[in-house]
Amino acid sequence: MAVTTLKRKLKRKRQSQTTRVIKIKQLCSMPVIKNVDVEELKKSFGK
């Protein structure tokens, strides 16, 4: 009995895997905002 590979299904699966990896990398690459002076920000919006 021969086994056939479902190429379309594999292609779709690989595409979803790569998009998931790309999304995770984008989330990890976002810089974390630290040492922000809140009072200075409030003054700039008050103008």
C-alpha atoms as a PDB file:
ATOM      1  CA  MET A   1       0.000   0.000   0.000  1.00  0.00           C
ATOM      2  CA  ALA A   2       1.480   3.345  -1.043  1.00  0.00           C
ATOM      3  CA  VAL A   3       1.524   6.396   1.182  1.00  0.00           C
ATOM      4  CA  THR A   4       0.792   9.723  -0.452  1.00  0.00           C
ATOM      5  CA  THR A   5       1.878  13.038   0.996  1.00  0.00           C
ATOM      6  CA  LEU A   6      -0.639  15.831   1.220  1.00  0.00           C
ATOM      7  CA  LYS A   7       1.463  18.650  -0.169  1.00  0.00           C
ATOM      8  CA  ARG A   8      -1.211  21.311   0.137  1.00  0.00           C
ATOM      9  CA  LYS A   9      -1.782  20.478   3.800  1.00  0.00           C
ATOM     10  CA  LEU A  10       1.961  20.521   4.526  1.00  0.00           C
ATOM     11  CA  LYS A  11       2.293  23.898   2.809  1.00  0.00           C
ATOM     12  CA  ARG A  12      -0.534  25.349   4.900  1.00  0.00           C
ATOM     13  CA  LYS A  13       0.947  23.901   8.087  1.00  0.00           C
ATOM     14  CA  ARG A  14       4.404  25.336   7.363  1.00  0.00           C
ATOM     15  CA  GLN A  15       2.879  28.720   6.577  1.00  0.00           C
ATOM     16  CA  SER A  16       1.053  28.847   9.919  1.00  0.00           C
ATOM     17  CA  GLN A  17       4.217  27.793  11.735  1.00  0.00           C
ATOM     18  CA  THR A  18       6.317  30.508  10.138  1.00  0.00           C
ATOM     19  CA  THR A  19       3.717  33.201  10.810  1.00  0.00           C
ATOM     20  CA  ARG A  20       3.566  32.138  14.464  1.00  0.00           C
ATOM     21  CA  VAL A  21       7.356  32.325  14.764  1.00  0.00           C
ATOM     22  CA  ILE A  22       7.388  35.756  13.118  1.00  0.00           C
ATOM     23  CA  LYS A  23       4.701  37.035  15.506  1.00  0.00           C
ATOM     24  CA  ILE A  24       6.639  35.753  18.528  1.00  0.00           C
ATOM     25  CA  LYS A  25       9.846  37.392  17.291  1.00  0.00           C
ATOM     26  CA  GLN A  26       8.030  40.711  16.768  1.00  0.00           C
ATOM     27  CA  LEU A  27       6.575  40.589  20.274  1.00  0.00           C
ATOM     28  CA  CYS A  28       9.968  39.827  21.783  1.00  0.00           C
ATOM     29  CA  SER A  29      11.704  42.566  19.808  1.00  0.00           C
ATOM     30  CA  MET A  30       9.532  45.407  21.125  1.00  0.00           C
ATOM     31  CA  PRO A  31      11.609  47.702  23.348  1.00  0.00           C
ATOM     32  CA  VAL A  32      10.576  48.050  26.958  1.00  0.00           C
ATOM     33  CA  ILE A  33      10.019  51.651  28.038  1.00  0.00           C
ATOM     34  CA  LYS A  34      11.926  52.378  31.227  1.00  0.00           C
ATOM     35  CA  ASN A  35      12.876  55.471  33.209  1.00  0.00           C
ATOM     36  CA  VAL A  36      10.100  57.641  31.802  1.00  0.00           C
ATOM     37  CA  ASP A  37       9.435  60.901  33.608  1.00  0.00           C
ATOM     38  CA  VAL A  38       5.654  60.926  33.970  1.00  0.00           C
ATOM     39  CA  GLU A  39       5.501  64.541  35.123  1.00  0.00           C
ATOM     40  CA  GLU A  40       7.324  65.770  31.996  1.00  0.00           C
ATOM     41  CA  LEU A  41       4.859  63.863  29.822  1.00  0.00           C
ATOM     42  CA  LYS A  42       1.909  65.379  31.650  1.00  0.00           C
ATOM     43  CA  LYS A  43       3.363  68.891  31.195  1.00  0.00           C
ATOM     44  CA  SER A  44       3.841  68.350  27.445  1.00  0.00           C
ATOM     45  CA  PHE A  45       0.210  67.293  27.022  1.00  0.00           C
ATOM     46  CA  GLY A  46      -1.052  70.229  29.084  1.00  0.00           C
ATOM     47  CA  LYS A  47       0.182  72.768  26.543  1.00  0.00           C
END
